[in-house]
């Protein structure tokens, strides 16, 4: 449900208009990224759990599972920015 509600403003922003709809980051992917970034910065699991609003640490761990460097296929791209 959250992904469906998230998709409309994401589409309206046109931030991902060059990315096929099925490849755009979902609400849950961005949420999992946030949790991972807090882990990388050394925050305690209980703190991250509180930020995510989870009653059970197992749900926080579920968000964090499968999002490590070994689970992500990175692709190098050019930003093509003129600064």
PDB file of N, CA and C in Angstrom:
ATOM      1  N   UNK A   1       0.825  -1.195   0.000  1.00  0.00           N
ATOM      2  CA  UNK A   1       0.000   0.000   0.000  1.00  0.00           C
ATOM      3  C   UNK A   1       0.869   1.259   0.000  1.00  0.00           C
ATOM      4  N   UNK A   2       1.892   1.312   0.853  1.00  0.00           N
ATOM      5  CA  UNK A   2       2.743   2.496   0.929  1.00  0.00           C
ATOM      6  C   UNK A   2       3.430   2.761  -0.399  1.00  0.00           C
ATOM      7  N   UNK A   3       3.835   1.689  -1.092  1.00  0.00           N
ATOM      8  CA  UNK A   3       4.492   1.873  -2.387  1.00  0.00           C
ATOM      9  C   UNK A   3       3.551   2.508  -3.402  1.00  0.00           C
ATOM     10  N   UNK A   4       2.272   2.141  -3.368  1.00  0.00           N
ATOM     11  CA  UNK A   4       1.303   2.714  -4.303  1.00  0.00           C
ATOM     12  C   UNK A   4       1.078   4.195  -4.013  1.00  0.00           C
ATOM     13  N   UNK A   5       0.974   4.544  -2.740  1.00  0.00           N
ATOM     14  CA  UNK A   5       0.771   5.934  -2.347  1.00  0.00           C
ATOM     15  C   UNK A   5       2.018   6.757  -2.667  1.00  0.00           C
ATOM     16  N   UNK A   6       3.182   6.153  -2.521  1.00  0.00           N
ATOM     17  CA  UNK A   6       4.456   6.818  -2.773  1.00  0.00           C
ATOM     18  C   UNK A   6       4.694   7.043  -4.258  1.00  0.00           C
ATOM     19  N   UNK A   7       4.215   6.150  -5.103  1.00  0.00           N
ATOM     20  CA  UNK A   7       4.500   6.196  -6.540  1.00  0.00           C
ATOM     21  C   UNK A   7       3.934   7.449  -7.208  1.00  0.00           C
ATOM     22  N   UNK A   8       2.754   7.895  -6.820  1.00  0.00           N
ATOM     23  CA  UNK A   8       2.139   9.049  -7.494  1.00  0.00           C
ATOM     24  C   UNK A   8       2.956  10.330  -7.307  1.00  0.00           C
ATOM     25  N   UNK A   9       3.309  10.721  -6.084  1.00  0.00           N
ATOM     26  CA  UNK A   9       4.141  11.925  -5.941  1.00  0.00           C
ATOM     27  C   UNK A   9       5.515  11.751  -6.606  1.00  0.00           C
ATOM     28  N   UNK A  10       6.034  10.540  -6.565  1.00  0.00           N
ATOM     29  CA  UNK A  10       7.313  10.264  -7.224  1.00  0.00           C
ATOM     30  C   UNK A  10       7.168  10.523  -8.729  1.00  0.00           C
ATOM     31  N   UNK A  11       6.094  10.046  -9.313  1.00  0.00           N
ATOM     32  CA  UNK A  11       5.842  10.285 -10.737  1.00  0.00           C
ATOM     33  C   UNK A  11       5.612  11.772 -11.007  1.00  0.00           C
ATOM     34  N   UNK A  12       4.841  12.420 -10.139  1.00  0.00           N
ATOM     35  CA  UNK A  12       4.534  13.841 -10.315  1.00  0.00           C
ATOM     36  C   UNK A  12       5.795  14.703 -10.252  1.00  0.00           C
ATOM     37  N   UNK A  13       6.775  14.294  -9.470  1.00  0.00           N
ATOM     38  CA  UNK A  13       8.010  15.078  -9.331  1.00  0.00           C
ATOM     39  C   UNK A  13       8.862  15.046 -10.598  1.00  0.00           C
ATOM     40  N   UNK A  14       8.640  14.043 -11.426  1.00  0.00           N
ATOM     41  CA  UNK A  14       9.385  13.833 -12.666  1.00  0.00           C
ATOM     42  C   UNK A  14      10.879  13.593 -12.418  1.00  0.00           C
ATOM     43  N   UNK A  15      11.239  13.308 -11.170  1.00  0.00           N
ATOM     44  CA  UNK A  15      12.635  13.042 -10.831  1.00  0.00           C
ATOM     45  C   UNK A  15      13.140  11.758 -11.474  1.00  0.00           C
ATOM     46  N   UNK A  16      12.235  10.847 -11.768  1.00  0.00           N
ATOM     47  CA  UNK A  16      12.605   9.551 -12.335  1.00  0.00           C
ATOM     48  C   UNK A  16      11.974   9.333 -13.700  1.00  0.00           C
ATOM     49  N   UNK A  17      11.627  10.415 -14.400  1.00  0.00           N
ATOM     50  CA  UNK A  17      10.909  10.252 -15.660  1.00  0.00           C
ATOM     51  C   UNK A  17      11.713   9.505 -16.716  1.00  0.00           C
ATOM     52  N   UNK A  18      13.033   9.462 -16.581  1.00  0.00           N
ATOM     53  CA  UNK A  18      13.866   8.727 -17.543  1.00  0.00           C
ATOM     54  C   UNK A  18      14.135   7.290 -17.098  1.00  0.00           C
ATOM     55  N   UNK A  19      13.534   6.889 -15.993  1.00  0.00           N
ATOM     56  CA  UNK A  19      13.712   5.535 -15.458  1.00  0.00           C
ATOM     57  C   UNK A  19      12.398   4.790 -15.651  1.00  0.00           C
ATOM     58  N   UNK A  20      12.441   3.609 -16.265  1.00  0.00           N
ATOM     59  CA  UNK A  20      11.192   2.844 -16.442  1.00  0.00           C
ATOM     60  C   UNK A  20      10.485   2.633 -15.102  1.00  0.00           C
ATOM     61  N   UNK A  21       9.164   2.677 -15.124  1.00  0.00           N
ATOM     62  CA  UNK A  21       8.364   2.597 -13.893  1.00  0.00           C
ATOM     63  C   UNK A  21       8.747   1.406 -13.020  1.00  0.00           C
ATOM     64  N   UNK A  22       9.012   0.262 -13.598  1.00  0.00           N
ATOM     65  CA  UNK A  22       9.355  -0.920 -12.815  1.00  0.00           C
ATOM     66  C   UNK A  22      10.741  -0.890 -12.193  1.00  0.00           C
ATOM     67  N   UNK A  23      11.556   0.099 -12.561  1.00  0.00           N
ATOM     68  CA  UNK A  23      12.919   0.195 -12.043  1.00  0.00           C
ATOM     69  C   UNK A  23      13.104   1.349 -11.062  1.00  0.00           C
ATOM     70  N   UNK A  24      12.071   2.104 -10.814  1.00  0.00           N
ATOM     71  CA  UNK A  24      12.158   3.234  -9.887  1.00  0.00           C
ATOM     72  C   UNK A  24      12.210   2.716  -8.454  1.00  0.00           C
ATOM     73  N   UNK A  25      12.952   3.415  -7.579  1.00  0.00           N
ATOM     74  CA  UNK A  25      13.019   2.943  -6.190  1.00  0.00           C
ATOM     75  C   UNK A  25      11.655   3.019  -5.517  1.00  0.00           C
ATOM     76  N   UNK A  26      11.344   1.985  -4.770  1.00  0.00           N
ATOM     77  CA  UNK A  26      10.072   1.945  -4.057  1.00  0.00           C
ATOM     78  C   UNK A  26      10.231   2.580  -2.684  1.00  0.00           C
ATOM     79  N   UNK A  27       9.120   2.849  -2.057  1.00  0.00           N
ATOM     80  CA  UNK A  27       9.111   3.381  -0.699  1.00  0.00           C
ATOM     81  C   UNK A  27       9.926   2.482   0.229  1.00  0.00           C
ATOM     82  N   UNK A  28       9.702   1.179   0.125  1.00  0.00           N
ATOM     83  CA  UNK A  28      10.379   0.253   1.022  1.00  0.00           C
ATOM     84  C   UNK A  28      11.874   0.157   0.722  1.00  0.00           C
ATOM     85  N   UNK A  29      12.257   0.293  -0.527  1.00  0.00           N
ATOM     86  CA  UNK A  29      13.688   0.290  -0.863  1.00  0.00           C
ATOM     87  C   UNK A  29      14.382   1.521  -0.288  1.00  0.00           C
ATOM     88  N   UNK A  30      13.731   2.663  -0.376  1.00  0.00           N
ATOM     89  CA  UNK A  30      14.320   3.883   0.190  1.00  0.00           C
ATOM     90  C   UNK A  30      14.363   3.796   1.705  1.00  0.00           C
ATOM     91  N   UNK A  31      13.336   3.236   2.302  1.00  0.00           N
ATOM     92  CA  UNK A  31      13.294   3.051   3.762  1.00  0.00           C
ATOM     93  C   UNK A  31      14.411   2.105   4.216  1.00  0.00           C
ATOM     94  N   UNK A  32      14.617   1.022   3.474  1.00  0.00           N
ATOM     95  CA  UNK A  32      15.681   0.080   3.794  1.00  0.00           C
ATOM     96  C   UNK A  32      17.051   0.738   3.629  1.00  0.00           C
ATOM     97  N   UNK A  33      17.200   1.581   2.616  1.00  0.00           N
ATOM     98  CA  UNK A  33      18.454   2.302   2.425  1.00  0.00           C
ATOM     99  C   UNK A  33      18.728   3.200   3.614  1.00  0.00           C
ATOM    100  N   UNK A  34      17.708   3.893   4.085  1.00  0.00           N
ATOM    101  CA  UNK A  34      17.873   4.746   5.261  1.00  0.00           C
ATOM    102  C   UNK A  34      18.364   3.954   6.464  1.00  0.00           C
ATOM    103  N   UNK A  35      17.757   2.800   6.696  1.00  0.00           N
ATOM    104  CA  UNK A  35      18.176   1.949   7.821  1.00  0.00           C
ATOM    105  C   UNK A  35      19.627   1.514   7.642  1.00  0.00           C
ATOM    106  N   UNK A  36      19.993   1.159   6.432  1.00  0.00           N
ATOM    107  CA  UNK A  36      21.368   0.719   6.158  1.00  0.00           C
ATOM    108  C   UNK A  36      22.371   1.849   6.387  1.00  0.00           C
ATOM    109  N   UNK A  37      22.017   3.051   5.980  1.00  0.00           N
ATOM    110  CA  UNK A  37      22.929   4.183   6.170  1.00  0.00           C
ATOM    111  C   UNK A  37      23.166   4.454   7.650  1.00  0.00           C
ATOM    112  N   UNK A  38      22.131   4.292   8.471  1.00  0.00           N
ATOM    113  CA  UNK A  38      22.314   4.458   9.915  1.00  0.00           C
ATOM    114  C   UNK A  38      23.234   3.380  10.475  1.00  0.00           C
ATOM    115  N   UNK A  39      23.110   2.152   9.973  1.00  0.00           N
ATOM    116  CA  UNK A  39      24.005   1.067  10.403  1.00  0.00           C
ATOM    117  C   UNK A  39      25.442   1.414  10.035  1.00  0.00           C
ATOM    118  N   UNK A  40      25.649   1.875   8.809  1.00  0.00           N
ATOM    119  CA  UNK A  40      26.991   2.221   8.346  1.00  0.00           C
ATOM    120  C   UNK A  40      27.614   3.328   9.190  1.00  0.00           C
ATOM    121  N   UNK A  41      26.785   4.208   9.718  1.00  0.00           N
ATOM    122  CA  UNK A  41      27.275   5.304  10.544  1.00  0.00           C
ATOM    123  C   UNK A  41      27.477   4.893  12.005  1.00  0.00           C
ATOM    124  N   UNK A  42      27.195   3.626  12.311  1.00  0.00           N
ATOM    125  CA  UNK A  42      27.469   3.106  13.644  1.00  0.00           C
ATOM    126  C   UNK A  42      26.370   3.304  14.671  1.00  0.00           C
ATOM    127  N   UNK A  43      25.156   3.630  14.241  1.00  0.00           N
ATOM    128  CA  UNK A  43      24.060   3.800  15.186  1.00  0.00           C
ATOM    129  C   UNK A  43      23.628   2.444  15.728  1.00  0.00           C
ATOM    130  N   UNK A  44      23.181   2.438  16.966  1.00  0.00           N
ATOM    131  CA  UNK A  44      22.708   1.221  17.614  1.00  0.00           C
ATOM    132  C   UNK A  44      21.414   0.736  16.958  1.00  0.00           C
ATOM    133  N   UNK A  45      21.235  -0.563  16.940  1.00  0.00           N
ATOM    134  CA  UNK A  45      20.045  -1.169  16.330  1.00  0.00           C
ATOM    135  C   UNK A  45      18.765  -0.652  16.990  1.00  0.00           C
ATOM    136  N   UNK A  46      18.785  -0.467  18.305  1.00  0.00           N
ATOM    137  CA  UNK A  46      17.602   0.012  19.024  1.00  0.00           C
ATOM    138  C   UNK A  46      17.225   1.418  18.565  1.00  0.00           C
ATOM    139  N   UNK A  47      18.218   2.246  18.268  1.00  0.00           N
ATOM    140  CA  UNK A  47      17.970   3.610  17.790  1.00  0.00           C
ATOM    141  C   UNK A  47      17.305   3.561  16.412  1.00  0.00           C
ATOM    142  N   UNK A  48      17.848   2.725  15.528  1.00  0.00           N
ATOM    143  CA  UNK A  48      17.298   2.588  14.179  1.00  0.00           C
ATOM    144  C   UNK A  48      15.877   2.037  14.258  1.00  0.00           C
ATOM    145  N   UNK A  49      15.665   1.074  15.128  1.00  0.00           N
ATOM    146  CA  UNK A  49      14.334   0.499  15.323  1.00  0.00           C
ATOM    147  C   UNK A  49      13.346   1.597  15.725  1.00  0.00           C
ATOM    148  N   UNK A  50      13.756   2.471  16.630  1.00  0.00           N
ATOM    149  CA  UNK A  50      12.893   3.576  17.057  1.00  0.00           C
ATOM    150  C   UNK A  50      12.587   4.543  15.922  1.00  0.00           C
ATOM    151  N   UNK A  51      13.594   4.869  15.118  1.00  0.00           N
ATOM    152  CA  UNK A  51      13.376   5.764  13.985  1.00  0.00           C
ATOM    153  C   UNK A  51      12.379   5.183  12.995  1.00  0.00           C
ATOM    154  N   UNK A  52      12.461   3.877  12.810  1.00  0.00           N
ATOM    155  CA  UNK A  52      11.587   3.217  11.841  1.00  0.00           C
ATOM    156  C   UNK A  52      10.205   2.932  12.417  1.00  0.00           C
ATOM    157  N   UNK A  53      10.050   3.102  13.714  1.00  0.00           N
ATOM    158  CA  UNK A  53       8.754   2.890  14.351  1.00  0.00           C
ATOM    159  C   UNK A  53       8.369   1.437  14.489  1.00  0.00           C
ATOM    160  N   UNK A  54       9.372   0.574  14.578  1.00  0.00           N
ATOM    161  CA  UNK A  54       9.102  -0.856  14.710  1.00  0.00           C
ATOM    162  C   UNK A  54       9.001  -1.244  16.182  1.00  0.00           C
ATOM    163  N   UNK A  55       7.989  -2.023  16.519  1.00  0.00           N
ATOM    164  CA  UNK A  55       7.827  -2.518  17.878  1.00  0.00           C
ATOM    165  C   UNK A  55       8.785  -3.665  18.164  1.00  0.00           C
ATOM    166  N   UNK A  56       9.228  -4.339  17.106  1.00  0.00           N
ATOM    167  CA  UNK A  56      10.060  -5.530  17.246  1.00  0.00           C
ATOM    168  C   UNK A  56      11.335  -5.354  16.409  1.00  0.00           C
ATOM    169  N   UNK A  57      12.479  -5.647  17.012  1.00  0.00           N
ATOM    170  CA  UNK A  57      13.752  -5.508  16.311  1.00  0.00           C
ATOM    171  C   UNK A  57      13.825  -6.446  15.105  1.00  0.00           C
ATOM    172  N   UNK A  58      13.071  -7.530  15.131  1.00  0.00           N
ATOM    173  CA  UNK A  58      13.072  -8.464  13.997  1.00  0.00           C
ATOM    174  C   UNK A  58      12.567  -7.801  12.717  1.00  0.00           C
ATOM    175  N   UNK A  59      11.615  -6.884  12.836  1.00  0.00           N
ATOM    176  CA  UNK A  59      11.124  -6.178  11.654  1.00  0.00           C
ATOM    177  C   UNK A  59      12.213  -5.241  11.118  1.00  0.00           C
ATOM    178  N   UNK A  60      12.931  -4.584  11.994  1.00  0.00           N
ATOM    179  CA  UNK A  60      14.035  -3.719  11.565  1.00  0.00           C
ATOM    180  C   UNK A  60      15.090  -4.550  10.854  1.00  0.00           C
ATOM    181  N   UNK A  61      15.412  -5.707  11.414  1.00  0.00           N
ATOM    182  CA  UNK A  61      16.391  -6.596  10.791  1.00  0.00           C
ATOM    183  C   UNK A  61      15.892  -7.089   9.429  1.00  0.00           C
ATOM    184  N   UNK A  62      14.583  -7.277   9.306  1.00  0.00           N
ATOM    185  CA  UNK A  62      14.003  -7.690   8.032  1.00  0.00           C
ATOM    186  C   UNK A  62      14.261  -6.624   6.959  1.00  0.00           C
ATOM    187  N   UNK A  63      14.079  -5.361   7.314  1.00  0.00           N
ATOM    188  CA  UNK A  63      14.351  -4.273   6.376  1.00  0.00           C
ATOM    189  C   UNK A  63      15.819  -4.242   5.975  1.00  0.00           C
ATOM    190  N   UNK A  64      16.692  -4.572   6.921  1.00  0.00           N
ATOM    191  CA  UNK A  64      18.128  -4.489   6.671  1.00  0.00           C
ATOM    192  C   UNK A  64      18.664  -5.703   5.921  1.00  0.00           C
ATOM    193  N   UNK A  65      17.950  -6.802   5.952  1.00  0.00           N
ATOM    194  CA  UNK A  65      18.420  -8.037   5.309  1.00  0.00           C
ATOM    195  C   UNK A  65      18.409  -7.894   3.790  1.00  0.00           C
ATOM    196  N   UNK A  66      19.450  -8.394   3.170  1.00  0.00           N
ATOM    197  CA  UNK A  66      19.513  -8.406   1.717  1.00  0.00           C
ATOM    198  C   UNK A  66      19.866  -7.083   1.088  1.00  0.00           C
ATOM    199  N   UNK A  67      20.339  -6.144   1.887  1.00  0.00           N
ATOM    200  CA  UNK A  67      20.686  -4.836   1.344  1.00  0.00           C
ATOM    201  C   UNK A  67      22.153  -4.497   1.552  1.00  0.00           C
ATOM    202  N   UNK A  68      22.968  -5.510   1.815  1.00  0.00           N
ATOM    203  CA  UNK A  68      24.399  -5.294   1.984  1.00  0.00           C
ATOM    204  C   UNK A  68      25.091  -5.108   0.644  1.00  0.00           C
ATOM    205  N   UNK A  69      26.359  -4.731   0.688  1.00  0.00           N
ATOM    206  CA  UNK A  69      27.125  -4.505  -0.531  1.00  0.00           C
ATOM    207  C   UNK A  69      27.135  -5.733  -1.434  1.00  0.00           C
ATOM    208  N   UNK A  70      27.127  -6.930  -0.831  1.00  0.00           N
ATOM    209  CA  UNK A  70      27.163  -8.154  -1.628  1.00  0.00           C
ATOM    210  C   UNK A  70      25.822  -8.451  -2.306  1.00  0.00           C
ATOM    211  N   UNK A  71      24.756  -7.799  -1.873  1.00  0.00           N
ATOM    212  CA  UNK A  71      23.434  -8.051  -2.442  1.00  0.00           C
ATOM    213  C   UNK A  71      23.049  -7.026  -3.508  1.00  0.00           C
ATOM    214  N   UNK A  72      23.891  -6.017  -3.686  1.00  0.00           N
ATOM    215  CA  UNK A  72      23.564  -4.934  -4.608  1.00  0.00           C
ATOM    216  C   UNK A  72      24.457  -5.011  -5.834  1.00  0.00           C
ATOM    217  N   UNK A  73      23.851  -4.949  -7.002  1.00  0.00           N
ATOM    218  CA  UNK A  73      24.616  -4.907  -8.249  1.00  0.00           C
ATOM    219  C   UNK A  73      24.752  -3.440  -8.645  1.00  0.00           C
ATOM    220  N   UNK A  74      25.935  -2.890  -8.459  1.00  0.00           N
ATOM    221  CA  UNK A  74      26.157  -1.485  -8.760  1.00  0.00           C
ATOM    222  C   UNK A  74      26.470  -1.295 -10.230  1.00  0.00           C
ATOM    223  N   UNK A  75      26.084  -0.155 -10.758  1.00  0.00           N
ATOM    224  CA  UNK A  75      26.341   0.166 -12.143  1.00  0.00           C
ATOM    225  C   UNK A  75      26.937   1.579 -12.182  1.00  0.00           C
ATOM    226  N   UNK A  76      28.062   1.740 -12.871  1.00  0.00           N
ATOM    227  CA  UNK A  76      28.663   3.066 -12.982  1.00  0.00           C
ATOM    228  C   UNK A  76      27.921   3.844 -14.055  1.00  0.00           C
ATOM    229  N   UNK A  77      27.589   5.088 -13.707  1.00  0.00           N
ATOM    230  CA  UNK A  77      26.917   5.970 -14.647  1.00  0.00           C
ATOM    231  C   UNK A  77      27.557   7.342 -14.587  1.00  0.00           C
ATOM    232  N   UNK A  78      27.364   8.125 -15.621  1.00  0.00           N
ATOM    233  CA  UNK A  78      27.845   9.503 -15.644  1.00  0.00           C
ATOM    234  C   UNK A  78      26.715  10.413 -15.205  1.00  0.00           C
ATOM    235  N   UNK A  79      27.054  11.423 -14.439  1.00  0.00           N
ATOM    236  CA  UNK A  79      26.038  12.368 -13.993  1.00  0.00           C
ATOM    237  C   UNK A  79      25.653  13.344 -15.100  1.00  0.00           C
ATOM    238  N   UNK A  80      26.554  13.589 -16.023  1.00  0.00           N
ATOM    239  CA  UNK A  80      26.308  14.512 -17.139  1.00  0.00           C
ATOM    240  C   UNK A  80      25.858  15.899 -16.676  1.00  0.00           C
ATOM    241  N   UNK A  81      26.424  16.331 -15.555  1.00  0.00           N
ATOM    242  CA  UNK A  81      26.072  17.665 -15.033  1.00  0.00           C
ATOM    243  C   UNK A  81      27.038  18.704 -15.582  1.00  0.00           C
ATOM    244  N   UNK A  82      26.524  19.865 -15.851  1.00  0.00           N
ATOM    245  CA  UNK A  82      27.362  21.002 -16.260  1.00  0.00           C
ATOM    246  C   UNK A  82      27.358  21.980 -15.095  1.00  0.00           C
ATOM    247  N   UNK A  83      28.433  21.949 -14.328  1.00  0.00           N
ATOM    248  CA  UNK A  83      28.501  22.789 -13.126  1.00  0.00           C
ATOM    249  C   UNK A  83      29.361  23.999 -13.402  1.00  0.00           C
TER     250      UNK A  83
END
